[in-house]
Protein backbone atom coordinates (compact mmCIF):
# COMPACT_ATOMS: atom_id res chain seq x y z
CA MET A 1 23.21 126.37 -122.53
CA LYS A 2 26.65 126.46 -120.86
CA HIS A 3 25.06 128.91 -118.32
CA THR A 4 22.13 126.66 -117.74
CA ILE A 5 24.34 123.55 -117.08
CA ILE A 6 26.58 125.65 -114.63
CA GLY A 7 23.66 126.96 -112.72
CA GLY A 8 22.04 123.49 -112.53
CA LEU A 9 25.32 121.93 -111.29
CA PHE A 10 25.56 124.88 -108.77
CA ALA A 11 22.16 124.38 -107.66
CA ALA A 12 22.66 120.69 -107.08
CA SER A 13 25.83 121.13 -105.38
CA THR A 14 24.15 123.66 -103.03
CA LEU A 15 21.30 121.17 -102.22
CA ALA A 16 23.85 118.33 -101.55
CA MET A 17 25.86 120.53 -99.04
CA ALA A 18 22.60 121.49 -97.21
CA ALA A 19 21.53 117.87 -97.14
CA GLN A 20 25.22 117.01 -95.84
CA ALA A 21 24.99 119.80 -93.30
CA GLU A 22 22.08 118.34 -91.33
CA GLU A 23 23.06 115.71 -88.94
CA THR A 24 21.06 113.01 -87.81
CA LEU A 25 21.31 111.10 -84.34
CA THR A 26 19.77 107.75 -83.77
CA ALA A 27 18.10 107.21 -80.43
CA VAL A 28 16.25 104.58 -78.61
CA HIS A 29 14.20 104.74 -75.25
CA ALA A 30 14.13 102.35 -72.10
CA PHE A 31 10.37 101.92 -71.58
CA PRO A 32 7.56 101.24 -74.03
CA GLU A 33 6.11 104.12 -76.06
CA THR A 34 2.94 104.31 -74.18
CA LEU A 35 4.53 105.14 -70.91
CA ILE A 36 4.36 108.73 -69.81
CA TYR A 37 8.08 109.00 -69.37
CA THR A 38 8.75 107.91 -72.91
CA GLN A 39 6.00 110.43 -74.12
CA SER A 40 8.13 113.17 -72.37
CA PHE A 41 11.23 112.02 -74.27
CA LEU A 42 9.47 111.82 -77.57
CA SER A 43 8.18 115.34 -76.83
CA PHE A 44 11.85 116.48 -76.54
CA VAL A 45 12.78 114.78 -79.73
CA ASP A 46 9.92 116.79 -81.37
CA LYS A 47 11.25 120.00 -79.99
CA VAL A 48 14.70 119.15 -81.27
CA ASN A 49 13.51 118.40 -84.64
CA GLU A 50 11.62 121.55 -84.89
CA ALA A 51 14.60 123.78 -83.59
CA GLY A 52 17.15 121.91 -85.49
CA LYS A 53 15.69 121.89 -89.09
CA GLY A 54 18.57 121.85 -91.50
CA VAL A 55 21.02 121.45 -88.68
CA VAL A 56 20.31 118.36 -86.64
CA GLN A 57 17.52 116.00 -86.22
CA ILE A 58 16.79 112.90 -84.02
CA GLU A 59 15.66 109.72 -85.47
CA VAL A 60 13.95 107.32 -82.93
CA ARG A 61 14.60 103.81 -83.47
CA GLY A 62 12.29 102.35 -80.79
CA GLY A 63 12.28 101.11 -77.31
CA PRO A 64 13.08 97.81 -75.43
CA GLU A 65 11.86 95.91 -78.57
CA ALA A 66 14.70 97.38 -80.58
CA ILE A 67 17.45 97.06 -78.17
CA GLY A 68 16.97 95.42 -74.51
CA MET A 69 16.61 98.07 -71.88
CA PHE A 70 19.43 97.06 -70.01
CA GLN A 71 21.81 96.69 -73.01
CA GLN A 72 20.95 100.21 -74.29
CA PRO A 73 23.62 102.17 -72.28
CA ASP A 74 26.19 100.04 -73.75
CA ALA A 75 24.96 100.47 -77.05
CA VAL A 76 25.29 104.10 -76.91
CA ARG A 77 28.76 103.85 -75.33
CA ASP A 78 29.79 101.51 -78.14
CA GLY A 79 28.27 103.73 -80.77
CA ILE A 80 25.53 101.26 -82.00
CA VAL A 81 23.14 104.05 -81.38
CA ASP A 82 23.79 107.76 -80.86
CA MET A 83 21.55 108.53 -77.90
CA VAL A 84 19.32 106.89 -75.26
CA TYR A 85 16.85 108.03 -72.81
CA THR A 86 17.13 105.70 -69.69
CA PRO A 87 17.36 105.61 -65.98
CA GLY A 88 20.80 106.04 -64.57
CA SER A 89 20.19 103.02 -62.48
CA PHE A 90 20.32 100.71 -65.70
CA TYR A 91 24.14 101.57 -65.85
CA GLY A 92 24.67 102.04 -62.21
CA GLY A 93 27.38 99.42 -62.05
CA ALA A 94 29.65 101.51 -64.33
CA LEU A 95 28.46 104.78 -62.84
CA PRO A 96 27.39 104.50 -59.26
CA GLU A 97 27.38 108.36 -58.97
CA LYS A 98 23.84 108.27 -60.45
CA ASP A 99 22.67 107.55 -56.93
CA ALA A 100 23.19 111.05 -56.10
CA LEU A 101 20.09 111.70 -58.37
CA VAL A 102 18.17 108.79 -57.03
CA ALA A 103 18.44 110.13 -53.52
CA SER A 104 18.12 113.75 -54.62
CA ASN A 105 15.41 116.14 -53.11
CA LEU A 106 16.00 118.74 -55.79
CA THR A 107 15.03 119.13 -59.30
CA ALA A 108 17.08 119.17 -62.53
CA VAL A 109 16.41 122.98 -62.54
CA GLU A 110 18.13 123.45 -59.28
CA THR A 111 20.86 121.06 -59.93
CA ARG A 112 21.59 122.68 -63.38
CA GLU A 113 22.01 125.99 -61.61
CA ASN A 114 24.23 124.72 -58.84
CA GLY A 115 26.60 122.96 -61.13
CA GLY A 116 25.50 119.38 -60.09
CA ILE A 117 24.51 118.26 -63.75
CA GLU A 118 27.72 119.54 -65.18
CA MET A 119 29.63 117.48 -62.53
CA ILE A 120 27.56 114.38 -63.44
CA ASP A 121 28.28 115.11 -67.19
CA GLN A 122 32.02 115.17 -66.51
CA ILE A 123 31.76 111.84 -64.71
CA HIS A 124 29.77 110.22 -67.47
CA GLN A 125 32.40 111.34 -69.91
CA GLN A 126 35.23 110.14 -67.92
CA LYS A 127 33.85 106.83 -66.76
CA MET A 128 31.72 105.69 -69.64
CA GLY A 129 32.62 107.96 -72.67
CA VAL A 130 29.12 109.42 -73.10
CA LYS A 131 27.74 112.91 -72.64
CA TYR A 132 25.05 113.42 -70.12
CA LEU A 133 22.81 115.85 -72.05
CA GLY A 134 20.05 116.35 -69.53
CA TRP A 135 18.10 115.13 -66.50
CA PHE A 136 14.61 114.77 -67.55
CA ASP A 137 11.27 114.29 -65.75
CA SER A 138 12.74 115.12 -62.34
CA GLY A 139 10.74 116.23 -59.35
CA VAL A 140 8.58 113.06 -59.33
CA CYS A 141 9.32 110.47 -56.44
CA TYR A 142 8.43 107.08 -55.75
CA ASN A 143 5.83 105.10 -53.52
CA LEU A 144 5.33 101.75 -52.52
CA TRP A 145 2.12 100.25 -53.95
CA THR A 146 0.67 97.13 -52.63
CA ARG A 147 -2.25 94.61 -53.37
CA ASP A 148 -3.19 94.05 -49.72
CA GLU A 149 -3.53 96.48 -46.89
CA PRO A 150 0.03 97.32 -45.57
CA GLN A 151 0.83 96.02 -42.13
CA PHE A 152 2.54 98.01 -39.29
CA ASP A 153 4.44 97.01 -36.11
CA ALA A 154 3.85 98.33 -32.73
CA ASN A 155 6.13 101.32 -33.44
CA GLY A 156 4.34 102.25 -36.64
CA ASN A 157 7.05 100.99 -38.87
CA LEU A 158 6.10 99.14 -42.08
CA SER A 159 6.12 95.42 -41.81
CA VAL A 160 7.23 93.70 -45.02
CA GLU A 161 7.05 90.07 -43.75
CA GLY A 162 5.30 87.79 -46.27
CA LEU A 163 5.33 90.48 -48.88
CA LYS A 164 6.28 89.49 -52.24
CA LEU A 165 8.03 92.72 -53.22
CA ARG A 166 9.27 93.55 -56.70
CA GLY A 167 12.65 95.01 -56.73
CA ASN A 168 15.17 96.46 -59.16
CA ALA A 169 18.34 98.45 -59.01
CA VAL A 170 17.02 101.75 -58.16
CA TYR A 171 15.56 100.88 -54.62
CA ASN A 172 16.98 97.51 -53.76
CA ALA A 173 19.49 98.90 -51.21
CA PHE A 174 16.62 100.37 -49.46
CA PHE A 175 14.24 97.50 -49.67
CA THR A 176 16.81 95.00 -48.40
CA ASN A 177 19.02 96.89 -46.11
CA TYR A 178 16.42 98.87 -44.20
CA LEU A 179 13.12 97.30 -44.89
CA GLY A 180 14.55 93.72 -44.72
CA ALA A 181 12.57 92.64 -47.62
CA GLN A 182 13.35 89.65 -49.94
CA VAL A 183 13.00 91.07 -53.31
CA ILE A 184 12.24 89.73 -56.64
CA ASP A 185 14.09 91.51 -59.40
CA LEU A 186 12.00 91.94 -62.32
CA PRO A 187 12.06 94.44 -65.42
CA THR A 188 9.35 96.86 -65.93
CA THR A 189 7.99 94.81 -68.86
CA GLU A 190 7.45 91.84 -66.78
CA VAL A 191 5.61 93.25 -63.78
CA TYR A 192 2.15 93.28 -65.15
CA SER A 193 2.15 89.56 -65.62
CA ALA A 194 3.80 88.99 -62.39
CA LEU A 195 1.08 90.88 -60.60
CA GLU A 196 -1.42 88.98 -62.58
CA ARG A 197 0.19 85.64 -61.81
CA GLY A 198 0.52 86.51 -58.02
CA VAL A 199 4.42 86.32 -58.36
CA VAL A 200 4.57 89.73 -56.67
CA ASP A 201 2.05 91.61 -54.72
CA ALA A 202 3.90 95.02 -54.12
CA THR A 203 6.33 97.10 -55.89
CA GLY A 204 8.02 100.29 -55.83
CA TRP A 205 7.10 102.73 -58.66
CA THR A 206 6.95 106.57 -59.34
CA GLN A 207 4.10 108.64 -58.53
CA ILE A 208 2.89 108.55 -62.17
CA GLY A 209 2.68 105.89 -64.75
CA LEU A 210 0.82 103.25 -62.83
CA ILE A 211 -2.44 103.70 -64.89
CA ASP A 212 -0.21 103.68 -68.14
CA LEU A 213 1.24 100.28 -67.36
CA LYS A 214 -2.28 99.07 -65.96
CA TRP A 215 -0.67 97.84 -62.66
CA ASN A 216 -3.51 99.56 -60.84
CA GLU A 217 -5.65 96.52 -62.01
CA PHE A 218 -3.87 94.69 -59.17
CA LEU A 219 -2.61 97.38 -56.77
CA ASN A 220 -4.89 98.76 -54.17
CA TYR A 221 -2.74 100.68 -51.75
CA ARG A 222 -0.31 103.67 -52.05
CA ILE A 223 2.07 103.98 -49.06
CA GLU A 224 3.09 107.48 -48.20
CA PRO A 225 5.65 109.22 -47.73
CA CYS A 226 7.13 109.07 -51.25
CA PHE A 227 10.94 108.65 -51.47
CA PHE A 228 13.64 108.97 -54.00
CA SER A 229 13.58 110.73 -57.25
CA THR A 230 13.42 109.66 -60.78
CA ASP A 231 16.82 109.48 -62.44
CA LEU A 232 15.88 109.54 -66.07
CA GLY A 233 18.26 111.02 -68.45
CA VAL A 234 19.51 111.21 -72.01
CA ILE A 235 23.05 110.16 -72.82
CA VAL A 236 24.88 110.66 -76.00
CA ASN A 237 27.92 108.73 -77.58
CA LEU A 238 30.75 111.05 -76.82
CA ASP A 239 32.55 110.62 -80.02
CA ARG A 240 29.35 111.39 -81.99
CA TRP A 241 28.66 114.43 -79.57
CA ASN A 242 32.11 115.84 -80.22
CA GLY A 243 31.78 115.36 -84.01
CA LEU A 244 28.65 117.42 -84.20
CA SER A 245 28.86 121.00 -85.37
CA ASP A 246 28.91 123.81 -82.66
CA GLU A 247 25.41 124.76 -83.81
CA ALA A 248 24.01 121.19 -83.56
CA ARG A 249 25.37 120.88 -80.10
CA THR A 250 23.83 124.12 -79.05
CA ILE A 251 20.56 123.37 -80.28
CA LEU A 252 20.56 119.82 -78.63
CA GLN A 253 21.82 121.34 -75.22
CA ASP A 254 19.48 124.35 -75.26
CA VAL A 255 16.46 122.22 -75.89
CA ALA A 256 17.49 119.68 -73.36
CA ILE A 257 17.88 122.58 -70.61
CA GLN A 258 14.30 123.95 -71.54
CA HIS A 259 12.81 120.38 -71.36
CA GLU A 260 14.41 119.95 -67.95
CA LYS A 261 12.24 122.84 -66.95
CA ASP A 262 9.13 121.87 -68.87
CA SER A 263 9.07 118.33 -67.78
CA VAL A 264 9.09 119.19 -63.94
CA ALA A 265 5.93 121.08 -64.48
CA ALA A 266 4.26 118.79 -66.75
CA LEU A 267 4.86 115.56 -64.84
CA ARG A 268 3.81 117.17 -61.56
CA THR A 269 0.54 117.97 -63.09
CA LYS A 270 0.16 114.45 -64.36
CA ARG A 271 0.92 113.08 -60.93
CA ASP A 272 -2.04 115.15 -59.49
CA GLU A 273 -4.20 113.81 -62.19
CA ASP A 274 -3.15 110.15 -61.75
CA PHE A 275 -3.57 110.38 -58.05
CA ALA A 276 -7.19 111.62 -58.44
CA ALA A 277 -7.94 109.12 -61.05
CA LEU A 278 -6.61 106.28 -58.82
CA GLU A 279 -8.33 107.40 -55.63
CA ALA A 280 -11.73 107.73 -57.50
CA ALA A 281 -11.28 104.32 -58.68
CA GLY A 282 -10.75 102.95 -55.18
CA MET A 283 -7.11 103.25 -54.33
CA LYS A 284 -6.47 103.76 -50.62
CA VAL A 285 -3.53 105.93 -49.23
CA VAL A 286 -1.87 104.74 -46.03
CA SER A 287 0.70 106.88 -44.37
CA LEU A 288 3.70 106.35 -42.02
CA GLU A 289 3.70 108.92 -39.29
CA GLY A 290 6.12 110.57 -36.73
CA GLU A 291 9.42 108.78 -36.02
CA ALA A 292 8.55 105.91 -38.11
CA LYS A 293 8.16 108.29 -41.13
CA ALA A 294 11.33 110.16 -40.51
CA ASN A 295 13.28 107.00 -40.12
CA TYR A 296 11.60 105.54 -43.57
CA LEU A 297 12.66 108.55 -45.45
CA ALA A 298 16.30 108.81 -43.84
CA ALA A 299 17.01 105.08 -44.52
CA ALA A 300 15.96 105.58 -48.19
CA ARG A 301 18.28 108.24 -48.71
CA GLU A 302 21.16 106.93 -46.50
CA LYS A 303 21.29 103.44 -47.67
CA THR A 304 21.48 104.58 -51.25
CA TRP A 305 24.37 106.92 -50.36
CA GLU A 306 26.09 103.87 -48.64
CA ARG A 307 25.75 101.98 -51.79
CA MET A 308 27.01 104.88 -53.89
CA LYS A 309 30.13 105.55 -51.66
CA GLY A 310 31.02 101.80 -51.45
CA LEU A 311 30.82 101.38 -55.26
CA MET A 312 32.74 104.59 -56.00
CA ALA A 313 35.55 103.49 -53.68
CA GLU A 314 36.16 100.55 -55.91
CA HIS A 315 36.81 102.48 -58.96
CA PRO A 316 40.30 103.87 -59.73
CA MET A 317 38.75 107.37 -59.55
CA GLY A 318 37.86 106.66 -56.00
CA ASP A 319 35.22 108.37 -53.81
CA GLY A 320 36.82 111.81 -53.50
CA MET A 321 33.81 113.51 -55.11
CA TYR A 322 31.23 111.85 -52.88
CA ASP A 323 30.84 114.85 -50.40
CA GLU A 324 30.58 117.29 -53.32
CA LEU A 325 27.92 115.21 -55.10
CA ILE A 326 25.63 115.01 -52.12
CA ALA A 327 25.94 118.86 -51.54
CA LYS A 328 24.86 119.35 -55.21
CA PHE A 329 21.96 116.94 -55.21
CA TYR A 330 20.56 117.19 -51.54
CA ASP A 331 19.53 120.11 -49.56
CA PRO A 332 18.71 119.37 -45.92
CA ALA A 333 16.47 122.38 -45.82
CA ALA A 334 14.30 121.06 -48.62
CA ASP A 335 13.06 118.20 -46.47
CA LYS A 336 11.69 120.40 -43.73
C-alpha cells in the first residue's frame, strides 16, 4: 500500500510538472478572421501548436472584436495579451522605422538573410519593449482600386480631383504629398459600409483580400503599377518572451522563419487567383505608363522614406540608422 501511494504521488507530481512546463501565449489579430491575412496568421498558430506540444502553445483570443485593432500594439506592450499579428503601421507613431518595410521591394526571406529583420527586432525591443518575431505575408504589394474609370492628365499622370479616397496610415504620405488627394481615414472594418453609402469611391488595398472583404461589389478598376509592401508582423511582449524557456523561444522563432517563407509563396498564388476571379467578374485594369509610371513608383517610396526620416529625427535615438534601414529593405536592382 505504501509503495502504491508513493507511486501515485510520483505520477501525479510528474504530470503536474509536465503541465507546468507547457507555456501558453495569448494572442489577438488585427483583422477579422475571414480575411486571408488572418488565415495566414492562424496557420502559423497551428504550426506552433503542433511543433510546440508539451512546450509552448498559442491561445488566440480573437480579433478587433476582442481588442480594437489600433489598441492591440499597446495591449501587447503593456502585457494585456502576449502576442499580436498586426501591420507595423498601426503603431507607426511609436516606431516610424516600420516604413522601411512599407517601402520595401524585398521579401522577408531576403531581409531575414541580410540582417534587416534582426535590425527591426532590436529597434522594436528598444523603442517599444516588444520582440519582433517575424514579418509575415511579405511580397504582396498595394494597388489603388476605384469605383469609376480613373482619369489622367495630359502627361499621363493619375488625376485624383474629385476622388473620395479612403486613406490610412500606410499610404497617406503618398496619397497626400504626391497625389495631392484629400483622404478620408477609415479603419478596414468600416470601408464596406463607406463604399456602400458613397462616402468613399476609391481606396488603396493589397493585391489580395478584396474579395474576402466584398469590396469588389463596389470597386470596378484596379490601377497599375502596384506600390509598397505589406508590413504585417507578429510582436510579442518582451518580458513574456524573455521569460519563456529556451526551447519555447526556439520553436516560436523557427516556425516564424519558416512561415515567412511559406507565406510569400502562398499569398502570391492567392494573388494570382484573386486577380483572375476579379477580372472574370468584370474588373478592369488600367495602367500608368512611361515617365508617369516611374514617377508614381518613386514618389510612393520616397514620400514614405521622408516621413520615416522626419519621425525618426524627433526621437531621442535619432535618425542615425536611416541609411542602413534603407539598404536592408530596398534594392535598386530589384526595380529594374
